[in-house]
């Protein structure tokens, strides 16, 4: 028999288990394993309305516990050998566990890992490989509109590199509040970079095949949102790294970058808070008061010489001792200044924390564009205070495009309002929900609705025009470039059922928050 093995830490393992659970073999197996289906918030969009109604408690309050209790578990074949047929060929599915030892610091930790073995009759693994390709295609079709987010795995499992954190629906670019010209420029630049012929063009001119972007601006202006939207537009996975991770070392960072796929987006969030700032030690040394023995007057200095200007031999030894004391004092001041820098900016290089080796600026630069650095990825760094970043980190070649995010203007406030209250499934204007009419059992619209289709279209157009008018009134009351898109969106979210109420209350909200903006 020919065999193909799949380890538990590989993404293909979970995909295989989902596919097998959907096959008949899982239904007729005598021994099965029940797995609780913990669907994320994005997978709950296609929920049966009957289950929702069953979960409604007194007073119309939704009880999540009741709803979760009605979600059936997923049944998988238990450990052992099972068989199934695919395209008329017999396959054997062996699910087993094996022990594995990992070294963490000075200790050895023993754990068990699951192993899948797919076997087929014959000497070639081609049928099994074709089956795995079918399973991957099946999974891709199911998550075609999803963006996969990955983060570094646990420290003891970091040898495996990245771990899948979640997957969420790809964010439309239209939901990112940013100047249309800036969005078009970024999309065109990345599209040209990801073109299949681009690597050959870069190589023929001796240019490293890398692209870097710096998104900078106040918090809540959409820097991370644009990163996720770009991942959805180009069908890329996004790999998120926090340089403040206490257990992340430079060797870990090198290993993570080496395990990146050929095309992906690497997101380094808030790099200005990771200790990679300009060194302030020199400024602190200048502010340190000079010791008392250095504050000698000119008269005292001249008293150490004879009348003819020849140094007094009796004071030569004393001057030598004073010079040694001065050198020791300077060294002490430098050490104290360095300690103050560490206390103010945190354990930049891990000196304060013996368990953390930390990431140095030179280590990060080497990973980004060193001789052995990864090529083909899109690097996105976000920063709230770009002026704090070291010039070496943002020089051309490491950062090819800088995008500034600012506070929302009136046009963007109007765009946020229209997007909040204009939905495809219903249009809530004035607090009145107008869902679509139910369809007839034959698949078409009821006869009465067919007769009134033109009138309904006119009504919808009128409602949209009314919504635009409310959006203009809302935007006129929001000061230009004073609030972030996140602040405006937060205000609208608490009034998402009633756009008229949002327009009526926005003036009071602005007057309440505006003094804090001064």
Protein backbone atom coordinates (compact mmCIF):
# COMPACT_ATOMS: atom_id res chain seq x y z
CA UNK A 1 0.00 0.00 0.00
CA UNK A 2 1.05 3.59 -0.65
CA UNK A 3 0.63 6.08 2.19
CA UNK A 4 0.50 9.85 2.71
CA UNK A 5 0.89 11.23 6.26
CA UNK A 6 -0.54 14.49 7.63
CA UNK A 7 0.65 15.90 10.96
CA UNK A 8 -1.68 17.53 13.46
CA UNK A 9 0.12 20.89 13.34
CA UNK A 10 -0.48 21.22 9.60
CA UNK A 11 -3.50 23.19 8.35
CA UNK A 12 -4.30 20.28 6.04
CA UNK A 13 -5.07 18.14 9.10
CA UNK A 14 -8.10 20.19 10.13
CA UNK A 15 -9.23 20.44 6.52
CA UNK A 16 -9.07 16.66 6.12
CA UNK A 17 -11.06 16.13 9.32
CA UNK A 18 -13.78 18.54 8.16
CA UNK A 19 -14.03 16.76 4.81
CA UNK A 20 -14.10 13.29 6.37
CA UNK A 21 -16.77 14.39 8.87
CA UNK A 22 -18.98 15.36 5.92
CA UNK A 23 -18.65 11.92 4.27
CA UNK A 24 -20.85 8.85 4.71
CA UNK A 25 -18.05 6.97 6.44
CA UNK A 26 -18.45 9.19 9.49
CA UNK A 27 -22.15 8.33 9.67
CA UNK A 28 -21.73 4.56 9.41
CA UNK A 29 -18.61 4.27 11.59
CA UNK A 30 -19.16 2.27 14.79
CA UNK A 31 -16.79 4.45 16.82
CA UNK A 32 -16.97 8.19 16.36
CA UNK A 33 -15.60 11.22 18.16
CA UNK A 34 -17.97 14.09 18.95
CA UNK A 35 -16.41 17.55 18.54
CA UNK A 36 -18.14 20.72 19.69
CA UNK A 37 -18.63 23.11 16.79
CA UNK A 38 -17.48 26.50 18.01
CA UNK A 39 -18.40 28.62 15.04
CA UNK A 40 -16.96 32.10 15.06
CA UNK A 41 -19.02 35.25 14.73
CA UNK A 42 -18.47 35.34 10.98
CA UNK A 43 -19.86 31.83 10.47
CA UNK A 44 -23.04 32.72 12.32
CA UNK A 45 -24.37 34.80 9.43
CA UNK A 46 -26.19 31.82 7.86
CA UNK A 47 -28.18 30.72 10.90
CA UNK A 48 -31.62 29.15 10.74
CA UNK A 49 -34.21 31.65 11.94
CA UNK A 50 -36.02 28.89 13.85
CA UNK A 51 -32.94 28.36 16.03
CA UNK A 52 -32.79 32.10 16.67
CA UNK A 53 -36.46 32.21 17.70
CA UNK A 54 -35.93 29.25 20.06
CA UNK A 55 -33.11 31.15 21.77
CA UNK A 56 -35.18 34.25 22.45
CA UNK A 57 -35.77 34.74 26.16
CA UNK A 58 -38.25 36.85 28.13
CA UNK A 59 -38.59 40.41 26.93
CA UNK A 60 -37.15 39.60 23.51
CA UNK A 61 -33.60 39.12 24.87
CA UNK A 62 -31.38 36.74 22.93
CA UNK A 63 -29.95 33.92 25.04
CA UNK A 64 -26.71 32.76 23.45
CA UNK A 65 -26.51 29.68 25.68
CA UNK A 66 -29.86 28.38 24.37
CA UNK A 67 -28.77 28.97 20.81
CA UNK A 68 -25.40 27.21 21.29
CA UNK A 69 -27.16 24.22 22.86
CA UNK A 70 -29.10 23.65 19.63
CA UNK A 71 -25.97 23.50 17.45
CA UNK A 72 -25.21 19.80 16.91
CA UNK A 73 -21.64 18.53 17.39
CA UNK A 74 -19.47 17.35 14.52
CA UNK A 75 -18.88 13.60 14.42
CA UNK A 76 -15.52 12.28 13.25
CA UNK A 77 -14.21 8.72 12.97
CA UNK A 78 -12.42 7.72 16.16
CA UNK A 79 -8.81 6.53 16.31
CA UNK A 80 -8.25 3.45 14.25
CA UNK A 81 -8.50 2.31 10.65
CA UNK A 82 -11.53 3.20 8.52
CA UNK A 83 -12.21 2.85 4.81
CA UNK A 84 -14.11 4.80 2.17
CA UNK A 85 -14.37 5.08 -1.60
CA UNK A 86 -13.53 8.08 -3.73
CA UNK A 87 -14.11 7.98 -7.51
CA UNK A 88 -14.48 4.21 -7.35
CA UNK A 89 -11.14 3.65 -5.61
CA UNK A 90 -10.79 2.16 -2.13
CA UNK A 91 -8.96 4.27 0.47
CA UNK A 92 -8.00 3.52 4.07
CA UNK A 93 -7.98 6.23 6.70
CA UNK A 94 -5.84 5.60 9.79
CA UNK A 95 -6.11 8.07 12.68
CA UNK A 96 -3.54 7.56 15.44
CA UNK A 97 -1.53 9.36 18.12
CA UNK A 98 2.19 9.26 18.78
CA UNK A 99 4.32 10.73 21.53
CA UNK A 100 6.63 13.64 20.86
CA UNK A 101 9.20 15.38 23.09
CA UNK A 102 9.92 19.11 22.88
CA UNK A 103 12.73 21.01 24.57
CA UNK A 104 11.70 24.23 26.36
CA UNK A 105 14.64 25.98 27.99
CA UNK A 106 16.28 23.48 30.31
CA UNK A 107 13.29 21.12 30.51
CA UNK A 108 12.01 18.41 28.20
CA UNK A 109 8.25 18.29 27.74
CA UNK A 110 6.51 15.17 26.46
CA UNK A 111 3.23 15.49 24.55
CA UNK A 112 1.15 13.58 22.05
CA UNK A 113 0.40 14.57 18.49
CA UNK A 114 -2.23 13.24 16.16
CA UNK A 115 -1.26 11.70 12.84
CA UNK A 116 -3.43 10.98 9.82
CA UNK A 117 -2.44 8.32 7.32
CA UNK A 118 -4.29 8.01 4.03
CA UNK A 119 -3.52 4.72 2.28
CA UNK A 120 -4.48 3.39 -1.13
CA UNK A 121 -3.94 0.11 -2.92
CA UNK A 122 -0.95 0.02 -5.25
CA UNK A 123 2.61 1.28 -5.26
CA UNK A 124 1.95 4.89 -6.23
CA UNK A 125 0.78 7.70 -3.96
CA UNK A 126 -0.78 9.54 -6.90
CA UNK A 127 -4.40 8.59 -6.00
CA UNK A 128 -3.89 9.80 -2.42
CA UNK A 129 -2.30 13.03 -3.63
CA UNK A 130 -5.23 13.61 -6.00
CA UNK A 131 -7.61 13.08 -3.06
CA UNK A 132 -5.77 15.68 -0.97
CA UNK A 133 -5.91 18.13 -3.88
CA UNK A 134 -9.67 17.58 -4.06
CA UNK A 135 -9.98 18.20 -0.31
CA UNK A 136 -8.02 21.47 -0.58
CA UNK A 137 -10.22 22.61 -3.50
CA UNK A 138 -13.32 21.71 -1.48
CA UNK A 139 -12.07 23.78 1.43
CA UNK A 140 -11.11 26.70 -0.83
CA UNK A 141 -14.57 26.84 -2.40
CA UNK A 142 -16.11 26.87 1.07
CA UNK A 143 -13.89 29.75 2.23
CA UNK A 144 -13.40 31.61 -1.04
CA UNK A 145 -14.47 34.93 0.49
CA UNK A 146 -12.50 34.50 3.72
CA UNK A 147 -9.22 36.01 4.84
CA UNK A 148 -7.01 33.77 6.97
CA UNK A 149 -5.16 35.42 9.86
CA UNK A 150 -2.07 33.78 11.31
CA UNK A 151 0.04 34.56 14.35
CA UNK A 152 3.23 33.00 15.79
CA UNK A 153 2.57 29.67 17.48
CA UNK A 154 3.13 28.97 21.16
CA UNK A 155 6.75 29.12 22.27
CA UNK A 156 7.03 25.38 22.85
CA UNK A 157 5.47 24.81 19.42
CA UNK A 158 7.31 27.64 17.66
CA UNK A 159 9.41 25.21 15.69
CA UNK A 160 6.31 24.79 13.54
CA UNK A 161 6.22 28.53 12.80
CA UNK A 162 2.79 30.02 12.35
CA UNK A 163 -0.59 29.04 13.76
CA UNK A 164 -3.96 29.86 12.28
CA UNK A 165 -5.64 32.40 14.56
CA UNK A 166 -8.93 32.87 12.72
CA UNK A 167 -10.57 33.38 9.37
CA UNK A 168 -13.04 36.14 8.66
CA UNK A 169 -14.91 37.42 5.61
CA UNK A 170 -12.73 39.52 3.35
CA UNK A 171 -13.30 43.18 4.06
CA UNK A 172 -14.48 45.22 1.07
CA UNK A 173 -12.18 48.09 0.17
CA UNK A 174 -15.20 50.40 0.14
CA UNK A 175 -15.51 50.04 3.92
CA UNK A 176 -12.08 51.60 4.51
CA UNK A 177 -12.36 55.33 5.14
CA UNK A 178 -9.47 56.76 3.12
CA UNK A 179 -9.01 59.11 0.21
CA UNK A 180 -10.03 57.35 -3.01
CA UNK A 181 -6.83 58.43 -4.75
CA UNK A 182 -4.68 56.93 -2.00
CA UNK A 183 -6.56 53.63 -2.13
CA UNK A 184 -6.23 53.41 -5.91
CA UNK A 185 -2.49 54.16 -5.73
CA UNK A 186 -1.88 51.43 -3.12
CA UNK A 187 -3.93 48.82 -4.98
CA UNK A 188 -2.20 49.60 -8.28
CA UNK A 189 1.25 49.41 -6.66
CA UNK A 190 0.61 46.05 -4.97
CA UNK A 191 -1.07 44.65 -8.07
CA UNK A 192 1.97 45.48 -10.17
CA UNK A 193 4.27 43.99 -7.53
CA UNK A 194 2.32 40.70 -7.32
CA UNK A 195 2.20 40.20 -11.09
CA UNK A 196 3.65 36.78 -12.07
CA UNK A 197 6.25 38.45 -14.32
CA UNK A 198 7.38 40.90 -11.64
CA UNK A 199 10.04 38.61 -10.05
CA UNK A 200 11.85 38.29 -13.39
CA UNK A 201 11.78 42.08 -13.85
CA UNK A 202 13.24 42.65 -10.37
CA UNK A 203 15.92 39.96 -10.84
CA UNK A 204 17.08 41.29 -14.24
CA UNK A 205 17.76 44.67 -12.65
CA UNK A 206 19.34 43.38 -9.47
CA UNK A 207 16.56 44.73 -7.25
CA UNK A 208 15.44 42.63 -4.24
CA UNK A 209 11.90 41.38 -4.79
CA UNK A 210 10.35 42.98 -1.71
CA UNK A 211 7.81 45.71 -1.05
CA UNK A 212 7.26 47.65 2.17
CA UNK A 213 4.60 50.11 3.31
CA UNK A 214 4.26 52.36 6.35
CA UNK A 215 0.72 53.24 7.44
CA UNK A 216 0.92 56.04 9.98
CA UNK A 217 -1.59 58.26 11.73
CA UNK A 218 -3.61 58.63 14.94
CA UNK A 219 -5.24 55.56 16.49
CA UNK A 220 -8.61 54.61 15.02
CA UNK A 221 -8.00 56.00 11.54
CA UNK A 222 -8.09 52.65 9.68
CA UNK A 223 -4.46 51.52 9.35
CA UNK A 224 -5.10 47.90 10.31
CA UNK A 225 -8.44 47.90 8.46
CA UNK A 226 -6.70 48.77 5.20
CA UNK A 227 -4.24 45.92 5.72
CA UNK A 228 -7.09 43.40 6.07
CA UNK A 229 -8.92 44.88 3.09
CA UNK A 230 -5.80 44.55 0.91
CA UNK A 231 -5.45 40.90 1.96
CA UNK A 232 -9.03 40.28 0.82
CA UNK A 233 -8.62 42.12 -2.49
CA UNK A 234 -5.58 40.07 -3.53
CA UNK A 235 -6.59 36.77 -1.88
CA UNK A 236 -3.58 36.74 0.45
CA UNK A 237 -3.21 35.41 3.97
CA UNK A 238 -2.16 37.93 6.59
CA UNK A 239 0.59 37.17 9.12
CA UNK A 240 0.49 39.38 12.22
CA UNK A 241 3.56 39.84 14.44
CA UNK A 242 3.78 41.84 17.66
CA UNK A 243 7.33 42.91 18.45
CA UNK A 244 6.23 43.35 22.08
CA UNK A 245 5.71 39.61 22.49
CA UNK A 246 7.79 38.87 25.63
CA UNK A 247 8.99 35.45 24.44
CA UNK A 248 9.84 36.46 20.88
CA UNK A 249 13.57 36.38 20.14
CA UNK A 250 15.56 37.34 17.07
CA UNK A 251 16.07 33.69 16.18
CA UNK A 252 12.29 33.17 16.43
CA UNK A 253 11.69 36.17 14.17
CA UNK A 254 14.15 34.82 11.60
CA UNK A 255 12.48 31.42 11.69
CA UNK A 256 9.00 32.96 11.30
CA UNK A 257 10.04 35.01 8.25
CA UNK A 258 11.72 31.97 6.70
CA UNK A 259 8.46 30.01 7.07
CA UNK A 260 6.36 32.59 5.23
CA UNK A 261 4.62 31.47 2.02
CA UNK A 262 5.70 32.86 -1.32
CA UNK A 263 3.00 35.54 -1.37
CA UNK A 264 1.46 37.01 1.77
CA UNK A 265 1.03 40.18 3.81
CA UNK A 266 3.17 40.56 6.95
CA UNK A 267 1.70 43.06 9.42
CA UNK A 268 3.93 44.63 12.08
CA UNK A 269 1.56 46.65 14.25
CA UNK A 270 2.59 49.71 16.27
CA UNK A 271 6.32 49.43 15.59
CA UNK A 272 6.86 52.73 17.41
CA UNK A 273 5.95 51.06 20.74
CA UNK A 274 8.36 48.13 20.34
CA UNK A 275 11.43 49.97 21.63
CA UNK A 276 12.78 50.50 18.11
CA UNK A 277 13.17 54.28 18.65
CA UNK A 278 16.07 56.65 18.49
CA UNK A 279 18.44 56.39 21.42
CA UNK A 280 17.89 59.19 23.95
CA UNK A 281 20.98 58.46 26.08
CA UNK A 282 22.95 61.43 24.76
CA UNK A 283 20.20 63.88 25.67
CA UNK A 284 19.94 62.45 29.16
CA UNK A 285 23.68 62.76 29.64
CA UNK A 286 23.55 66.44 28.74
CA UNK A 287 20.82 67.01 31.33
CA UNK A 288 22.77 65.24 34.10
CA UNK A 289 24.19 67.83 36.53
CA UNK A 290 27.96 67.93 36.74
CA UNK A 291 29.51 66.66 39.97
CA UNK A 292 30.72 69.17 42.55
CA UNK A 293 34.42 68.43 42.02
CA UNK A 294 34.09 69.63 38.39
CA UNK A 295 32.63 73.04 39.38
CA UNK A 296 35.92 74.66 40.19
CA UNK A 297 36.39 78.32 39.61
CA UNK A 298 39.14 79.77 37.46
CA UNK A 299 40.84 81.10 40.58
CA UNK A 300 41.07 77.58 42.03
CA UNK A 301 42.52 76.28 38.80
CA UNK A 302 45.12 79.05 38.68
CA UNK A 303 46.10 78.43 42.29
CA UNK A 304 47.66 75.12 41.23
CA UNK A 305 50.42 76.96 39.28
CA UNK A 306 53.54 78.81 40.42
CA UNK A 307 54.00 82.54 39.70
CA UNK A 308 56.16 81.82 36.65
CA UNK A 309 53.38 79.61 35.17
CA UNK A 310 55.09 76.30 35.93
CA UNK A 311 52.74 73.68 37.47
CA UNK A 312 53.22 73.11 41.17
CA UNK A 313 54.71 69.61 41.66
CA UNK A 314 52.81 69.23 44.89
CA UNK A 315 49.50 69.41 43.06
CA UNK A 316 50.36 67.12 40.14
CA UNK A 317 49.45 63.95 42.01
CA UNK A 318 46.23 65.55 43.27
CA UNK A 319 45.26 66.52 39.69
CA UNK A 320 45.86 62.96 38.49
CA UNK A 321 43.58 61.61 41.21
CA UNK A 322 40.92 64.16 40.30
CA UNK A 323 41.09 63.05 36.64
CA UNK A 324 40.50 59.43 37.66
CA UNK A 325 37.58 60.46 39.84
CA UNK A 326 36.11 62.46 36.95
CA UNK A 327 36.37 59.49 34.57
CA UNK A 328 34.68 57.17 37.08
CA UNK A 329 31.93 59.76 37.64
CA UNK A 330 31.31 60.06 33.91
CA UNK A 331 31.02 56.30 33.62
CA UNK A 332 28.57 56.19 36.52
CA UNK A 333 26.46 58.93 34.98
CA UNK A 334 26.34 57.07 31.65
CA UNK A 335 25.20 53.84 33.35
CA UNK A 336 22.52 55.67 35.32
CA UNK A 337 21.27 57.40 32.17
CA UNK A 338 21.10 54.06 30.38
CA UNK A 339 19.10 52.58 33.26
CA UNK A 340 16.67 55.52 33.14
CA UNK A 341 16.23 55.00 29.41
CA UNK A 342 15.39 51.35 30.01
CA UNK A 343 12.85 52.22 32.72
CA UNK A 344 11.13 54.83 30.53
CA UNK A 345 10.95 52.91 27.27
CA UNK A 346 10.69 49.38 28.65
CA UNK A 347 13.03 46.41 28.17
CA UNK A 348 14.13 47.32 24.65
CA UNK A 349 16.74 44.63 24.41
CA UNK A 350 15.52 42.54 27.30
CA UNK A 351 18.14 43.72 29.83
CA UNK A 352 15.48 44.24 32.51
CA UNK A 353 13.90 40.85 31.97
CA UNK A 354 16.23 37.84 32.06
CA UNK A 355 13.60 35.67 30.36
CA UNK A 356 13.42 37.93 27.29
CA UNK A 357 16.21 38.33 24.79
CA UNK A 358 14.14 40.80 22.79
CA UNK A 359 14.31 42.16 19.26
CA UNK A 360 16.98 44.73 18.48
CA UNK A 361 16.75 47.26 15.68
CA UNK A 362 19.62 45.64 13.80
CA UNK A 363 17.95 42.24 14.17
CA UNK A 364 14.70 43.54 12.69
CA UNK A 365 16.49 45.27 9.82
CA UNK A 366 18.37 42.07 9.01
CA UNK A 367 15.11 40.12 8.88
CA UNK A 368 13.42 42.72 6.66
CA UNK A 369 16.08 43.09 3.98
CA UNK A 370 19.15 41.09 4.97
CA UNK A 371 21.06 38.87 2.58
CA UNK A 372 18.99 35.81 3.53
CA UNK A 373 15.68 37.64 4.04
CA UNK A 374 12.42 36.37 2.54
CA UNK A 375 11.31 37.70 -0.84
CA UNK A 376 7.86 37.97 -2.37
CA UNK A 377 6.01 39.17 0.73
CA UNK A 378 4.23 42.48 1.26
CA UNK A 379 5.41 44.10 4.49
CA UNK A 380 3.06 46.55 6.21
CA UNK A 381 4.16 48.46 9.29
CA UNK A 382 1.75 50.63 11.27
CA UNK A 383 2.73 53.48 13.57
CA UNK A 384 0.91 56.13 15.59
CA UNK A 385 4.06 58.25 15.93
CA UNK A 386 6.26 57.87 12.82
CA UNK A 387 8.63 60.58 14.02
CA UNK A 388 9.83 58.20 16.75
CA UNK A 389 10.99 55.58 14.26
CA UNK A 390 14.65 55.25 13.47
CA UNK A 391 15.48 56.61 9.99
CA UNK A 392 17.20 53.33 9.13
CA UNK A 393 13.89 51.47 9.53
CA UNK A 394 11.89 53.68 7.16
CA UNK A 395 14.51 54.50 4.54
CA UNK A 396 13.70 53.84 0.84
CA UNK A 397 14.16 50.18 0.03
CA UNK A 398 12.66 49.10 3.33
CA UNK A 399 9.61 51.35 3.15
CA UNK A 400 8.63 52.03 -0.47
CA UNK A 401 5.40 53.92 0.19
CA UNK A 402 4.19 55.92 3.18
CA UNK A 403 0.44 56.37 3.63
CA UNK A 404 -0.81 58.96 6.08
CA UNK A 405 -4.14 58.40 7.83
CA UNK A 406 -5.88 61.42 9.28
CA UNK A 407 -9.12 62.39 10.95
CA UNK A 408 -12.34 62.03 9.01
CA UNK A 409 -13.55 64.91 6.86
CA UNK A 410 -17.20 65.72 6.22
CA UNK A 411 -17.25 63.64 3.04
CA UNK A 412 -15.97 60.62 4.94
CA UNK A 413 -18.48 61.21 7.77
CA UNK A 414 -21.28 61.16 5.19
CA UNK A 415 -19.87 57.96 3.70
CA UNK A 416 -19.80 56.31 7.14
CA UNK A 417 -23.41 57.31 7.79
CA UNK A 418 -24.69 55.95 4.47
CA UNK A 419 -22.82 52.66 4.89
CA UNK A 420 -24.10 52.20 8.45
CA UNK A 421 -27.79 52.55 7.57
CA UNK A 422 -27.92 51.26 3.98
CA UNK A 423 -28.11 47.46 3.89
CA UNK A 424 -28.76 44.94 1.14
CA UNK A 425 -31.30 43.00 3.18
CA UNK A 426 -33.23 45.89 4.67
CA UNK A 427 -33.41 49.66 4.64
CA UNK A 428 -34.08 51.22 8.01
CA UNK A 429 -35.01 54.86 7.56
CA UNK A 430 -36.65 56.70 10.40
CA UNK A 431 -36.41 53.61 12.57
CA UNK A 432 -38.74 51.58 10.29
CA UNK A 433 -37.38 48.28 9.00
CA UNK A 434 -38.38 47.39 5.45
CA UNK A 435 -37.33 43.81 4.76
CA UNK A 436 -37.95 42.27 1.36
CA UNK A 437 -41.25 40.52 0.74
CA UNK A 438 -41.32 36.72 0.95
CA UNK A 439 -41.11 34.83 -2.29
CA UNK A 440 -43.78 32.45 -3.51
CA UNK A 441 -43.30 28.65 -3.36
CA UNK A 442 -42.75 28.59 -7.10
CA UNK A 443 -39.59 30.62 -6.77
CA UNK A 444 -40.97 33.86 -8.21
CA UNK A 445 -42.59 36.83 -6.59
CA UNK A 446 -46.24 36.70 -5.52
CA UNK A 447 -48.69 37.95 -8.12
CA UNK A 448 -49.52 41.05 -6.11
CA UNK A 449 -45.84 41.92 -5.84
CA UNK A 450 -45.30 41.38 -9.58
CA UNK A 451 -47.99 43.94 -10.23
CA UNK A 452 -46.44 46.43 -7.81
CA UNK A 453 -42.76 45.94 -8.67
CA UNK A 454 -42.44 49.33 -10.32
CA UNK A 455 -44.06 51.06 -7.35
CA UNK A 456 -41.76 49.22 -4.92
CA UNK A 457 -38.69 50.28 -6.92
CA UNK A 458 -39.80 53.90 -6.76
CA UNK A 459 -40.31 53.56 -2.99
CA UNK A 460 -36.81 52.13 -2.50
CA UNK A 461 -35.28 54.92 -4.58
CA UNK A 462 -37.13 57.48 -2.48
CA UNK A 463 -35.90 55.86 0.73
CA UNK A 464 -32.30 55.95 -0.51
CA UNK A 465 -32.63 59.60 -1.42
CA UNK A 466 -34.01 60.27 2.05
CA UNK A 467 -31.02 58.46 3.53
CA UNK A 468 -28.62 60.62 1.50
CA UNK A 469 -30.32 63.72 2.82
CA UNK A 470 -29.95 62.51 6.41
CA UNK A 471 -26.29 61.70 5.74
CA UNK A 472 -25.66 65.23 4.46
CA UNK A 473 -27.34 66.74 7.52
CA UNK A 474 -25.25 64.49 9.76
CA UNK A 475 -21.96 65.39 8.05
CA UNK A 476 -22.69 69.12 8.25
CA UNK A 477 -22.79 68.89 12.06
CA UNK A 478 -19.51 66.97 12.38
CA UNK A 479 -16.45 69.28 12.46
CA UNK A 480 -14.04 68.69 9.62
CA UNK A 481 -10.88 66.71 10.49
CA UNK A 482 -11.54 66.62 14.25
CA UNK A 483 -12.79 63.06 14.88
CA UNK A 484 -11.38 59.71 13.80
CA UNK A 485 -13.48 57.32 11.71
CA UNK A 486 -13.54 54.92 14.68
CA UNK A 487 -15.08 57.59 16.92
CA UNK A 488 -17.79 58.44 14.38
CA UNK A 489 -18.51 54.78 13.75
CA UNK A 490 -18.77 54.11 17.49
CA UNK A 491 -21.37 56.88 17.80
CA UNK A 492 -23.39 55.48 14.89
CA UNK A 493 -23.24 51.89 16.16
CA UNK A 494 -25.17 52.78 19.31
CA UNK A 495 -27.91 54.26 17.09
CA UNK A 496 -27.75 51.83 14.16
CA UNK A 497 -31.51 51.18 14.26
CA UNK A 498 -32.52 54.82 13.93
CA UNK A 499 -30.68 57.19 11.56
CA UNK A 500 -33.00 60.08 12.44
CA UNK A 501 -32.01 59.74 16.09
CA UNK A 502 -28.33 59.80 15.09
CA UNK A 503 -28.84 63.07 13.23
CA UNK A 504 -30.72 64.61 16.14
CA UNK A 505 -28.12 63.61 18.77
CA UNK A 506 -24.89 64.21 16.87
CA UNK A 507 -24.69 67.90 17.86
CA UNK A 508 -24.77 67.06 21.58
CA UNK A 509 -22.18 64.33 21.07
CA UNK A 510 -19.87 66.75 19.25
CA UNK A 511 -20.23 69.42 21.94
CA UNK A 512 -19.43 66.84 24.61
CA UNK A 513 -16.24 65.53 22.99
CA UNK A 514 -14.93 68.62 21.25
CA UNK A 515 -13.35 70.21 24.38
CA UNK A 516 -11.13 67.13 24.78
CA UNK A 517 -9.85 67.68 21.23
CA UNK A 518 -8.52 71.16 21.98
